Amino acid sequence: MNNQDIYALHPIGIVRSSLKRREDSPRQGFEGAPDAWLEIYQPYLDGMADIRPDMELIVVTWLHLADRDVLKVHPRRKADTALSGVFTTRSPDRPNPIGLHRVRVVAMDDRQRIRVHPIEALDGTPIIDIKPILSGLPDDQ
C-alpha cells in the first residue's frame, strides 16, 4: 500500500447506547435494537440544521471493535452454516468495518444530540456520516 491508498476518516460524533457488548446487540436494528442518542461533535453542529423528528436517516458508523482481517464468516454467527465471503454478509468483521443503520429520528436535544430508533450500534461507536433517506423525487438533493 502506498500513501495514495490511505484515506482519513474523521468522526463527527459518537453513539450513546444501552448496548455495551457485541454479544448483546441484535444483528439488525429491526430485530429489537433500542433507541440511542447520536452525540454530534461541536464542529459539525451546523450540519444538523435541517434534521427533524420523524425523519429517516442513514447513520454511517465505524465499527471500531471489528476484526479487520476477516474475509469469510458463518452468516448470522451460526457455526452450522457454510462459510461465506464477508462481502455477501452484513458482518461487522470486514476489512473496512463501515456500519449502515437506517433509523428514524425520535427526538432532538439542542441540535447536539439526536435520539434515533432503532440502532444496533454499540455505545461508543464513532459516527462518520449521516445521510437522509431520499424519496426518489426530482427535488431530492
N, C-alpha and C. Protein backbone atom coordinates (compact mmCIF):
# COMPACT_ATOMS: atom_id res chain seq x y z
N MET A 1 0.85 -1.17 0.00
CA MET A 1 0.00 0.00 0.00
C MET A 1 0.90 1.24 0.00
N ASN A 2 0.59 2.20 -0.85
CA ASN A 2 1.34 3.45 -0.84
C ASN A 2 0.48 4.56 -0.25
N ASN A 3 1.06 5.73 -0.09
CA ASN A 3 0.33 6.84 0.55
C ASN A 3 -0.95 7.23 -0.17
N GLN A 4 -1.02 6.97 -1.48
CA GLN A 4 -2.25 7.29 -2.21
C GLN A 4 -3.40 6.37 -1.83
N ASP A 5 -3.09 5.25 -1.19
CA ASP A 5 -4.12 4.30 -0.79
C ASP A 5 -4.64 4.53 0.62
N ILE A 6 -4.17 5.56 1.28
CA ILE A 6 -4.58 5.83 2.65
C ILE A 6 -5.62 6.95 2.66
N TYR A 7 -6.73 6.69 3.34
CA TYR A 7 -7.80 7.66 3.44
C TYR A 7 -8.06 7.94 4.92
N ALA A 8 -8.32 9.16 5.24
CA ALA A 8 -8.57 9.53 6.64
C ALA A 8 -10.06 9.79 6.84
N LEU A 9 -10.61 9.18 7.88
CA LEU A 9 -11.99 9.45 8.29
C LEU A 9 -11.93 10.21 9.60
N HIS A 10 -12.82 11.17 9.75
CA HIS A 10 -12.87 11.97 10.96
C HIS A 10 -14.26 11.83 11.56
N PRO A 11 -14.40 11.17 12.70
CA PRO A 11 -15.74 11.02 13.29
C PRO A 11 -16.40 12.38 13.52
N ILE A 12 -17.70 12.40 13.26
CA ILE A 12 -18.49 13.62 13.51
C ILE A 12 -19.23 13.54 14.83
N GLY A 13 -19.18 12.37 15.46
CA GLY A 13 -19.87 12.18 16.73
C GLY A 13 -19.70 10.76 17.21
N ILE A 14 -20.53 10.40 18.19
CA ILE A 14 -20.43 9.09 18.83
C ILE A 14 -21.83 8.61 19.20
N VAL A 15 -22.04 7.30 19.16
CA VAL A 15 -23.31 6.69 19.56
C VAL A 15 -23.29 6.49 21.07
N ARG A 16 -24.38 6.88 21.74
CA ARG A 16 -24.57 6.61 23.16
C ARG A 16 -25.77 5.66 23.27
N SER A 17 -25.48 4.40 23.61
CA SER A 17 -26.48 3.35 23.59
C SER A 17 -26.43 2.51 24.86
N SER A 18 -27.52 1.82 25.14
CA SER A 18 -27.54 0.86 26.25
C SER A 18 -26.83 -0.43 25.87
N LEU A 19 -26.52 -0.60 24.59
CA LEU A 19 -25.80 -1.80 24.13
C LEU A 19 -24.31 -1.62 24.41
N LYS A 20 -23.74 -2.48 25.23
CA LYS A 20 -22.34 -2.35 25.64
C LYS A 20 -21.44 -3.43 25.06
N ARG A 21 -22.00 -4.61 24.75
CA ARG A 21 -21.18 -5.73 24.27
C ARG A 21 -21.74 -6.26 22.96
N ARG A 22 -20.84 -6.71 22.09
CA ARG A 22 -21.27 -7.23 20.79
C ARG A 22 -22.28 -8.35 20.91
N GLU A 23 -22.08 -9.22 21.87
CA GLU A 23 -22.97 -10.37 22.01
C GLU A 23 -24.38 -9.98 22.46
N ASP A 24 -24.56 -8.77 22.97
CA ASP A 24 -25.88 -8.30 23.39
C ASP A 24 -26.62 -7.55 22.28
N SER A 25 -25.94 -7.28 21.19
CA SER A 25 -26.52 -6.47 20.13
C SER A 25 -27.28 -7.34 19.13
N PRO A 26 -28.48 -6.92 18.73
CA PRO A 26 -29.15 -7.64 17.64
C PRO A 26 -28.35 -7.48 16.36
N ARG A 27 -28.51 -8.40 15.45
CA ARG A 27 -27.73 -8.35 14.20
C ARG A 27 -28.19 -7.22 13.29
N GLN A 28 -29.46 -6.86 13.35
CA GLN A 28 -30.01 -5.76 12.57
C GLN A 28 -30.88 -4.91 13.49
N GLY A 29 -31.01 -3.63 13.18
CA GLY A 29 -31.79 -2.73 14.01
C GLY A 29 -33.22 -3.18 14.21
N PHE A 30 -33.86 -3.68 13.15
CA PHE A 30 -35.27 -4.07 13.22
C PHE A 30 -35.49 -5.35 14.03
N GLU A 31 -34.41 -5.96 14.51
CA GLU A 31 -34.52 -7.18 15.30
C GLU A 31 -34.44 -6.89 16.81
N GLY A 32 -34.98 -5.75 17.22
CA GLY A 32 -35.08 -5.45 18.64
C GLY A 32 -34.05 -4.48 19.17
N ALA A 33 -33.41 -3.72 18.31
CA ALA A 33 -32.43 -2.74 18.78
C ALA A 33 -33.13 -1.61 19.52
N PRO A 34 -32.47 -1.05 20.52
CA PRO A 34 -33.06 0.04 21.30
C PRO A 34 -32.90 1.40 20.62
N ASP A 35 -33.53 2.40 21.22
CA ASP A 35 -33.23 3.79 20.87
C ASP A 35 -31.81 4.09 21.34
N ALA A 36 -31.20 5.09 20.76
CA ALA A 36 -29.89 5.55 21.21
C ALA A 36 -29.75 7.02 20.86
N TRP A 37 -28.82 7.67 21.51
CA TRP A 37 -28.51 9.07 21.21
C TRP A 37 -27.31 9.13 20.29
N LEU A 38 -27.38 9.99 19.30
CA LEU A 38 -26.22 10.33 18.47
C LEU A 38 -25.71 11.66 19.00
N GLU A 39 -24.54 11.67 19.58
CA GLU A 39 -23.94 12.91 20.09
C GLU A 39 -23.01 13.45 19.01
N ILE A 40 -23.31 14.63 18.53
CA ILE A 40 -22.56 15.23 17.43
C ILE A 40 -21.53 16.20 18.00
N TYR A 41 -20.31 16.12 17.50
CA TYR A 41 -19.24 16.99 17.98
C TYR A 41 -19.46 18.42 17.52
N GLN A 42 -19.04 19.35 18.34
CA GLN A 42 -19.25 20.79 18.14
C GLN A 42 -18.93 21.28 16.72
N PRO A 43 -17.81 20.93 16.11
CA PRO A 43 -17.50 21.48 14.79
C PRO A 43 -18.50 21.10 13.69
N TYR A 44 -19.35 20.08 13.95
CA TYR A 44 -20.26 19.58 12.92
C TYR A 44 -21.72 19.93 13.18
N LEU A 45 -22.00 20.71 14.20
CA LEU A 45 -23.39 21.00 14.57
C LEU A 45 -24.17 21.73 13.48
N ASP A 46 -23.53 22.59 12.71
CA ASP A 46 -24.25 23.28 11.63
C ASP A 46 -24.80 22.31 10.60
N GLY A 47 -24.18 21.16 10.46
CA GLY A 47 -24.65 20.15 9.52
C GLY A 47 -25.96 19.51 9.94
N MET A 48 -26.40 19.74 11.17
CA MET A 48 -27.63 19.15 11.69
C MET A 48 -28.84 20.07 11.50
N ALA A 49 -28.64 21.22 10.87
CA ALA A 49 -29.64 22.28 10.82
C ALA A 49 -31.03 21.84 10.38
N ASP A 50 -31.16 20.95 9.44
CA ASP A 50 -32.48 20.61 8.91
C ASP A 50 -33.01 19.25 9.36
N ILE A 51 -32.33 18.62 10.28
CA ILE A 51 -32.81 17.33 10.80
C ILE A 51 -33.98 17.60 11.75
N ARG A 52 -35.04 16.82 11.60
CA ARG A 52 -36.26 16.99 12.38
C ARG A 52 -36.76 15.64 12.88
N PRO A 53 -37.55 15.63 13.97
CA PRO A 53 -38.19 14.39 14.40
C PRO A 53 -39.02 13.78 13.28
N ASP A 54 -39.05 12.48 13.24
CA ASP A 54 -39.74 11.64 12.25
C ASP A 54 -39.00 11.50 10.92
N MET A 55 -37.87 12.20 10.75
CA MET A 55 -37.07 11.99 9.54
C MET A 55 -36.44 10.61 9.59
N GLU A 56 -36.26 10.02 8.42
CA GLU A 56 -35.50 8.78 8.32
C GLU A 56 -34.11 9.11 7.82
N LEU A 57 -33.12 8.50 8.47
CA LEU A 57 -31.72 8.76 8.16
C LEU A 57 -30.96 7.46 7.99
N ILE A 58 -29.85 7.55 7.29
CA ILE A 58 -28.83 6.50 7.31
C ILE A 58 -27.70 7.04 8.16
N VAL A 59 -27.38 6.35 9.23
CA VAL A 59 -26.25 6.70 10.08
C VAL A 59 -25.10 5.79 9.66
N VAL A 60 -23.98 6.39 9.29
CA VAL A 60 -22.81 5.64 8.86
C VAL A 60 -21.83 5.64 10.04
N THR A 61 -21.44 4.44 10.47
CA THR A 61 -20.56 4.33 11.62
C THR A 61 -19.28 3.58 11.25
N TRP A 62 -18.29 3.71 12.12
CA TRP A 62 -17.06 2.93 12.03
C TRP A 62 -17.15 1.88 13.14
N LEU A 63 -17.22 0.62 12.74
CA LEU A 63 -17.40 -0.47 13.69
C LEU A 63 -16.04 -0.78 14.33
N HIS A 64 -15.71 0.03 15.31
CA HIS A 64 -14.37 0.09 15.90
C HIS A 64 -13.91 -1.18 16.60
N LEU A 65 -14.81 -2.09 16.93
CA LEU A 65 -14.43 -3.34 17.58
C LEU A 65 -14.31 -4.50 16.60
N ALA A 66 -14.47 -4.22 15.33
CA ALA A 66 -14.45 -5.26 14.31
C ALA A 66 -13.05 -5.84 14.11
N ASP A 67 -13.04 -7.08 13.65
CA ASP A 67 -11.80 -7.75 13.24
C ASP A 67 -11.63 -7.47 11.76
N ARG A 68 -10.63 -6.68 11.40
CA ARG A 68 -10.44 -6.22 10.03
C ARG A 68 -9.73 -7.25 9.15
N ASP A 69 -9.33 -8.38 9.70
CA ASP A 69 -8.65 -9.42 8.93
C ASP A 69 -9.60 -10.50 8.42
N VAL A 70 -10.87 -10.40 8.73
CA VAL A 70 -11.84 -11.43 8.37
C VAL A 70 -12.29 -11.27 6.92
N LEU A 71 -12.25 -12.38 6.17
CA LEU A 71 -12.75 -12.38 4.79
C LEU A 71 -13.88 -13.40 4.59
N LYS A 72 -14.03 -14.35 5.52
CA LYS A 72 -15.12 -15.32 5.45
C LYS A 72 -15.74 -15.46 6.84
N VAL A 73 -17.06 -15.57 6.86
CA VAL A 73 -17.79 -15.71 8.12
C VAL A 73 -18.90 -16.73 7.97
N HIS A 74 -19.37 -17.22 9.11
CA HIS A 74 -20.60 -18.02 9.14
C HIS A 74 -21.74 -17.00 9.23
N PRO A 75 -22.60 -16.92 8.20
CA PRO A 75 -23.69 -15.92 8.24
C PRO A 75 -24.49 -15.99 9.54
N ARG A 76 -24.79 -14.82 10.07
CA ARG A 76 -25.57 -14.63 11.30
C ARG A 76 -24.94 -15.35 12.49
N ARG A 77 -23.62 -15.53 12.43
CA ARG A 77 -22.83 -16.16 13.51
C ARG A 77 -23.28 -17.57 13.83
N LYS A 78 -23.86 -18.26 12.87
CA LYS A 78 -24.32 -19.64 13.07
C LYS A 78 -23.24 -20.58 12.56
N ALA A 79 -22.59 -21.27 13.49
CA ALA A 79 -21.47 -22.15 13.15
C ALA A 79 -21.87 -23.30 12.25
N ASP A 80 -23.16 -23.65 12.23
CA ASP A 80 -23.60 -24.78 11.40
C ASP A 80 -23.88 -24.37 9.95
N THR A 81 -23.68 -23.11 9.60
CA THR A 81 -23.84 -22.68 8.20
C THR A 81 -22.48 -22.63 7.52
N ALA A 82 -22.50 -22.76 6.21
CA ALA A 82 -21.26 -22.73 5.44
C ALA A 82 -20.63 -21.34 5.51
N LEU A 83 -19.31 -21.30 5.44
CA LEU A 83 -18.62 -20.01 5.40
C LEU A 83 -19.00 -19.26 4.13
N SER A 84 -19.18 -17.97 4.25
CA SER A 84 -19.50 -17.10 3.12
C SER A 84 -18.49 -15.97 3.06
N GLY A 85 -18.25 -15.46 1.86
CA GLY A 85 -17.40 -14.29 1.72
C GLY A 85 -18.03 -13.12 2.45
N VAL A 86 -17.23 -12.38 3.20
CA VAL A 86 -17.74 -11.32 4.05
C VAL A 86 -18.51 -10.25 3.26
N PHE A 87 -18.19 -10.08 1.99
CA PHE A 87 -18.87 -9.04 1.20
C PHE A 87 -20.28 -9.44 0.79
N THR A 88 -20.68 -10.68 1.08
CA THR A 88 -22.07 -11.10 0.83
C THR A 88 -22.85 -11.19 2.13
N THR A 89 -22.29 -10.62 3.20
CA THR A 89 -22.96 -10.64 4.51
C THR A 89 -23.00 -9.23 5.09
N ARG A 90 -23.70 -9.11 6.21
CA ARG A 90 -23.72 -7.85 6.95
C ARG A 90 -22.83 -7.92 8.19
N SER A 91 -21.89 -8.83 8.20
CA SER A 91 -21.00 -8.99 9.35
C SER A 91 -20.27 -7.69 9.66
N PRO A 92 -20.10 -7.37 10.95
CA PRO A 92 -19.31 -6.19 11.30
C PRO A 92 -17.81 -6.43 11.08
N ASP A 93 -17.39 -7.70 11.07
CA ASP A 93 -15.98 -8.03 10.85
C ASP A 93 -15.71 -8.04 9.35
N ARG A 94 -14.83 -7.11 8.91
CA ARG A 94 -14.54 -6.94 7.49
C ARG A 94 -13.36 -5.99 7.35
N PRO A 95 -12.74 -5.94 6.18
CA PRO A 95 -11.55 -5.09 6.02
C PRO A 95 -11.78 -3.62 6.34
N ASN A 96 -12.90 -3.06 5.94
CA ASN A 96 -13.25 -1.67 6.26
C ASN A 96 -14.61 -1.71 6.96
N PRO A 97 -14.61 -1.76 8.28
CA PRO A 97 -15.84 -2.01 9.03
C PRO A 97 -16.76 -0.81 9.14
N ILE A 98 -17.43 -0.52 8.04
CA ILE A 98 -18.39 0.58 7.99
C ILE A 98 -19.78 0.02 8.27
N GLY A 99 -20.48 0.64 9.21
CA GLY A 99 -21.83 0.24 9.53
C GLY A 99 -22.84 1.19 8.89
N LEU A 100 -23.93 0.63 8.37
CA LEU A 100 -25.03 1.41 7.81
C LEU A 100 -26.27 1.11 8.64
N HIS A 101 -26.90 2.15 9.16
CA HIS A 101 -28.03 1.97 10.07
C HIS A 101 -29.18 2.87 9.62
N ARG A 102 -30.28 2.25 9.20
CA ARG A 102 -31.46 3.02 8.84
C ARG A 102 -32.26 3.28 10.10
N VAL A 103 -32.47 4.55 10.42
CA VAL A 103 -33.12 4.93 11.68
C VAL A 103 -34.16 6.01 11.43
N ARG A 104 -35.00 6.20 12.43
CA ARG A 104 -35.96 7.31 12.45
C ARG A 104 -35.60 8.22 13.61
N VAL A 105 -35.64 9.52 13.37
CA VAL A 105 -35.37 10.49 14.43
C VAL A 105 -36.56 10.51 15.38
N VAL A 106 -36.30 10.27 16.66
CA VAL A 106 -37.33 10.26 17.69
C VAL A 106 -37.41 11.62 18.37
N ALA A 107 -36.25 12.21 18.65
CA ALA A 107 -36.22 13.49 19.36
C ALA A 107 -34.89 14.18 19.10
N MET A 108 -34.87 15.48 19.37
CA MET A 108 -33.65 16.28 19.25
C MET A 108 -33.41 16.95 20.59
N ASP A 109 -32.13 17.16 20.90
CA ASP A 109 -31.75 17.80 22.15
C ASP A 109 -30.77 18.92 21.83
N ASP A 110 -31.27 20.14 21.71
CA ASP A 110 -30.43 21.32 21.42
C ASP A 110 -29.53 21.13 20.20
N ARG A 111 -29.96 20.36 19.25
CA ARG A 111 -29.21 20.15 17.99
C ARG A 111 -27.84 19.51 18.17
N GLN A 112 -27.49 19.15 19.41
CA GLN A 112 -26.22 18.47 19.60
C GLN A 112 -26.42 16.96 19.75
N ARG A 113 -27.62 16.56 20.14
CA ARG A 113 -27.92 15.15 20.29
C ARG A 113 -29.21 14.83 19.55
N ILE A 114 -29.20 13.67 18.90
CA ILE A 114 -30.36 13.19 18.16
C ILE A 114 -30.72 11.82 18.71
N ARG A 115 -31.94 11.64 19.15
CA ARG A 115 -32.39 10.31 19.60
C ARG A 115 -32.97 9.60 18.39
N VAL A 116 -32.48 8.39 18.13
CA VAL A 116 -32.91 7.62 16.96
C VAL A 116 -33.37 6.23 17.37
N HIS A 117 -34.16 5.63 16.49
CA HIS A 117 -34.66 4.26 16.69
C HIS A 117 -34.80 3.59 15.35
N PRO A 118 -34.52 2.33 15.24
CA PRO A 118 -33.68 1.53 16.12
C PRO A 118 -32.24 1.59 15.61
N ILE A 119 -31.28 1.34 16.47
CA ILE A 119 -29.89 1.29 16.02
C ILE A 119 -29.15 0.24 16.85
N GLU A 120 -28.50 -0.67 16.15
CA GLU A 120 -27.82 -1.79 16.80
C GLU A 120 -26.35 -1.49 17.09
N ALA A 121 -25.92 -0.25 16.91
CA ALA A 121 -24.53 0.14 17.20
C ALA A 121 -24.29 0.15 18.71
N LEU A 122 -23.10 -0.24 19.08
CA LEU A 122 -22.71 -0.27 20.50
C LEU A 122 -22.40 1.12 21.01
N ASP A 123 -22.52 1.28 22.32
CA ASP A 123 -22.13 2.51 22.98
C ASP A 123 -20.67 2.82 22.66
N GLY A 124 -20.39 4.04 22.25
CA GLY A 124 -19.03 4.44 21.92
C GLY A 124 -18.65 4.28 20.46
N THR A 125 -19.57 3.80 19.63
CA THR A 125 -19.28 3.63 18.21
C THR A 125 -19.14 5.00 17.54
N PRO A 126 -18.04 5.23 16.83
CA PRO A 126 -17.87 6.51 16.13
C PRO A 126 -18.86 6.66 14.97
N ILE A 127 -19.42 7.84 14.83
CA ILE A 127 -20.29 8.18 13.70
C ILE A 127 -19.42 8.89 12.67
N ILE A 128 -19.45 8.41 11.42
CA ILE A 128 -18.63 9.05 10.39
C ILE A 128 -19.46 9.86 9.39
N ASP A 129 -20.78 9.65 9.36
CA ASP A 129 -21.63 10.46 8.48
C ASP A 129 -23.08 10.19 8.80
N ILE A 130 -23.94 11.10 8.37
CA ILE A 130 -25.39 10.96 8.47
C ILE A 130 -25.95 11.42 7.13
N LYS A 131 -26.85 10.63 6.58
CA LYS A 131 -27.46 10.97 5.29
C LYS A 131 -28.97 10.79 5.38
N PRO A 132 -29.73 11.59 4.65
CA PRO A 132 -31.18 11.43 4.66
C PRO A 132 -31.60 10.25 3.78
N ILE A 133 -32.75 9.69 4.08
CA ILE A 133 -33.38 8.73 3.17
C ILE A 133 -34.13 9.57 2.15
N LEU A 134 -33.83 9.38 0.89
CA LEU A 134 -34.46 10.17 -0.16
C LEU A 134 -35.66 9.41 -0.73
N SER A 135 -36.67 10.14 -1.11
CA SER A 135 -37.87 9.53 -1.65
C SER A 135 -37.74 9.18 -3.12
N GLY A 136 -36.70 9.68 -3.77
CA GLY A 136 -36.52 9.41 -5.19
C GLY A 136 -37.20 10.44 -6.08
N LEU A 137 -37.76 11.48 -5.48
CA LEU A 137 -38.41 12.53 -6.25
C LEU A 137 -37.36 13.48 -6.83
N PRO A 138 -37.66 14.16 -7.94
CA PRO A 138 -36.67 15.03 -8.58
C PRO A 138 -36.12 16.15 -7.69
N ASP A 139 -36.87 16.58 -6.66
CA ASP A 139 -36.41 17.66 -5.80
C ASP A 139 -35.41 17.21 -4.75
N ASP A 140 -35.19 15.89 -4.61
CA ASP A 140 -34.26 15.39 -3.60
C ASP A 140 -32.85 15.84 -3.91
N GLN A 141 -32.08 16.13 -2.85
CA GLN A 141 -30.69 16.56 -3.01
C GLN A 141 -29.75 15.46 -2.60
